[in-house]
């Protein structure tokens, strides 16, 4: 029996792909948070905008990666 004819292959793929998607989503949240932190620092230093706007961007960047995503939703499958 080859890997292409293994009847368990669709089930395996169906279990792996949602987990892979979740990791990609988490990576996107971290990169988005880093972008907000950098933009907040640049806006703070620019002088063209009010400093509270830069502080708000920086705060949002620090909070974004910590929002509950997989912690509450998807981690109960294997337990």
C-alpha atoms as a PDB file:
ATOM      1  CA  UNK A   1       0.000   0.000   0.000  1.00  0.00           C
ATOM      2  CA  UNK A   2       1.424   3.361  -0.991  1.00  0.00           C
ATOM      3  CA  UNK A   3       0.842   6.680   0.693  1.00  0.00           C
ATOM      4  CA  UNK A   4      -1.465   7.754  -2.134  1.00  0.00           C
ATOM      5  CA  UNK A   5      -3.790   4.799  -1.617  1.00  0.00           C
ATOM      6  CA  UNK A   6      -3.785   4.816   2.184  1.00  0.00           C
ATOM      7  CA  UNK A   7      -7.414   5.266   3.300  1.00  0.00           C
ATOM      8  CA  UNK A   8      -6.298   7.109   6.449  1.00  0.00           C
ATOM      9  CA  UNK A   9      -4.650   9.930   4.452  1.00  0.00           C
ATOM     10  CA  UNK A  10      -7.760  12.192   4.125  1.00  0.00           C
ATOM     11  CA  UNK A  11      -8.430  11.923   7.850  1.00  0.00           C
ATOM     12  CA  UNK A  12      -4.816  12.770   8.657  1.00  0.00           C
ATOM     13  CA  UNK A  13      -4.861  15.783   6.351  1.00  0.00           C
ATOM     14  CA  UNK A  14      -8.194  16.918   7.801  1.00  0.00           C
ATOM     15  CA  UNK A  15      -6.674  16.885  11.292  1.00  0.00           C
ATOM     16  CA  UNK A  16      -3.408  18.607  10.344  1.00  0.00           C
ATOM     17  CA  UNK A  17      -4.690  21.479   8.200  1.00  0.00           C
ATOM     18  CA  UNK A  18      -6.768  23.280  10.882  1.00  0.00           C
ATOM     19  CA  UNK A  19      -3.806  23.153  13.256  1.00  0.00           C
ATOM     20  CA  UNK A  20      -1.519  24.528  10.544  1.00  0.00           C
ATOM     21  CA  UNK A  21      -4.023  27.318   9.885  1.00  0.00           C
ATOM     22  CA  UNK A  22      -4.128  28.170  13.592  1.00  0.00           C
ATOM     23  CA  UNK A  23      -0.341  28.493  13.726  1.00  0.00           C
ATOM     24  CA  UNK A  24      -0.405  30.790  10.696  1.00  0.00           C
ATOM     25  CA  UNK A  25      -3.096  32.901  12.323  1.00  0.00           C
ATOM     26  CA  UNK A  26      -1.041  33.196  15.519  1.00  0.00           C
ATOM     27  CA  UNK A  27       2.016  34.247  13.516  1.00  0.00           C
ATOM     28  CA  UNK A  28      -0.071  36.916  11.780  1.00  0.00           C
ATOM     29  CA  UNK A  29      -1.232  38.279  15.134  1.00  0.00           C
ATOM     30  CA  UNK A  30       2.347  38.512  16.402  1.00  0.00           C
ATOM     31  CA  UNK A  31       3.522  40.292  13.241  1.00  0.00           C
ATOM     32  CA  UNK A  32       0.550  42.653  13.368  1.00  0.00           C
ATOM     33  CA  UNK A  33       1.347  43.464  16.999  1.00  0.00           C
ATOM     34  CA  UNK A  34       4.989  44.153  16.120  1.00  0.00           C
ATOM     35  CA  UNK A  35       3.863  46.440  13.298  1.00  0.00           C
ATOM     36  CA  UNK A  36       1.608  48.388  15.676  1.00  0.00           C
ATOM     37  CA  UNK A  37       4.418  48.787  18.208  1.00  0.00           C
ATOM     38  CA  UNK A  38       6.793  50.108  15.542  1.00  0.00           C
ATOM     39  CA  UNK A  39       4.170  52.444  14.055  1.00  0.00           C
ATOM     40  CA  UNK A  40       3.281  53.707  17.531  1.00  0.00           C
ATOM     41  CA  UNK A  41       6.926  54.559  18.205  1.00  0.00           C
ATOM     42  CA  UNK A  42       7.280  56.319  14.845  1.00  0.00           C
ATOM     43  CA  UNK A  43       4.075  58.319  15.317  1.00  0.00           C
ATOM     44  CA  UNK A  44       5.162  59.259  18.862  1.00  0.00           C
ATOM     45  CA  UNK A  45       8.479  60.610  17.567  1.00  0.00           C
ATOM     46  CA  UNK A  46       7.191  62.263  14.374  1.00  0.00           C
ATOM     47  CA  UNK A  47       5.645  65.403  15.825  1.00  0.00           C
ATOM     48  CA  UNK A  48       2.998  65.463  13.069  1.00  0.00           C
ATOM     49  CA  UNK A  49       0.417  63.639  15.176  1.00  0.00           C
ATOM     50  CA  UNK A  50      -0.645  63.900  18.792  1.00  0.00           C
ATOM     51  CA  UNK A  51       1.435  61.757  21.159  1.00  0.00           C
ATOM     52  CA  UNK A  52      -1.642  59.962  22.569  1.00  0.00           C
ATOM     53  CA  UNK A  53      -2.311  58.585  19.070  1.00  0.00           C
ATOM     54  CA  UNK A  54       1.159  57.007  19.033  1.00  0.00           C
ATOM     55  CA  UNK A  55       0.658  55.736  22.558  1.00  0.00           C
ATOM     56  CA  UNK A  56      -2.639  54.136  21.520  1.00  0.00           C
ATOM     57  CA  UNK A  57      -1.013  52.403  18.579  1.00  0.00           C
ATOM     58  CA  UNK A  58       1.763  51.100  20.787  1.00  0.00           C
ATOM     59  CA  UNK A  59      -0.700  49.887  23.392  1.00  0.00           C
ATOM     60  CA  UNK A  60      -2.745  48.088  20.737  1.00  0.00           C
ATOM     61  CA  UNK A  61       0.441  46.436  19.490  1.00  0.00           C
ATOM     62  CA  UNK A  62       1.246  45.153  22.935  1.00  0.00           C
ATOM     63  CA  UNK A  63      -2.247  43.790  23.475  1.00  0.00           C
ATOM     64  CA  UNK A  64      -2.908  42.239  20.032  1.00  0.00           C
ATOM     65  CA  UNK A  65      -0.709  39.115  20.348  1.00  0.00           C
ATOM     66  CA  UNK A  66      -2.091  38.399  23.825  1.00  0.00           C
ATOM     67  CA  UNK A  67      -5.781  38.283  22.938  1.00  0.00           C
ATOM     68  CA  UNK A  68      -7.337  34.890  23.634  1.00  0.00           C
ATOM     69  CA  UNK A  69      -7.606  32.932  20.420  1.00  0.00           C
ATOM     70  CA  UNK A  70      -6.596  29.299  20.404  1.00  0.00           C
ATOM     71  CA  UNK A  71      -6.265  29.312  24.176  1.00  0.00           C
ATOM     72  CA  UNK A  72     -10.035  29.256  24.562  1.00  0.00           C
ATOM     73  CA  UNK A  73     -11.246  27.864  21.239  1.00  0.00           C
ATOM     74  CA  UNK A  74      -9.057  25.192  19.690  1.00  0.00           C
ATOM     75  CA  UNK A  75      -6.921  23.657  22.395  1.00  0.00           C
ATOM     76  CA  UNK A  76      -9.565  21.273  23.706  1.00  0.00           C
ATOM     77  CA  UNK A  77      -9.427  18.854  20.756  1.00  0.00           C
ATOM     78  CA  UNK A  78      -6.571  16.693  22.056  1.00  0.00           C
ATOM     79  CA  UNK A  79      -7.685  16.557  25.672  1.00  0.00           C
END
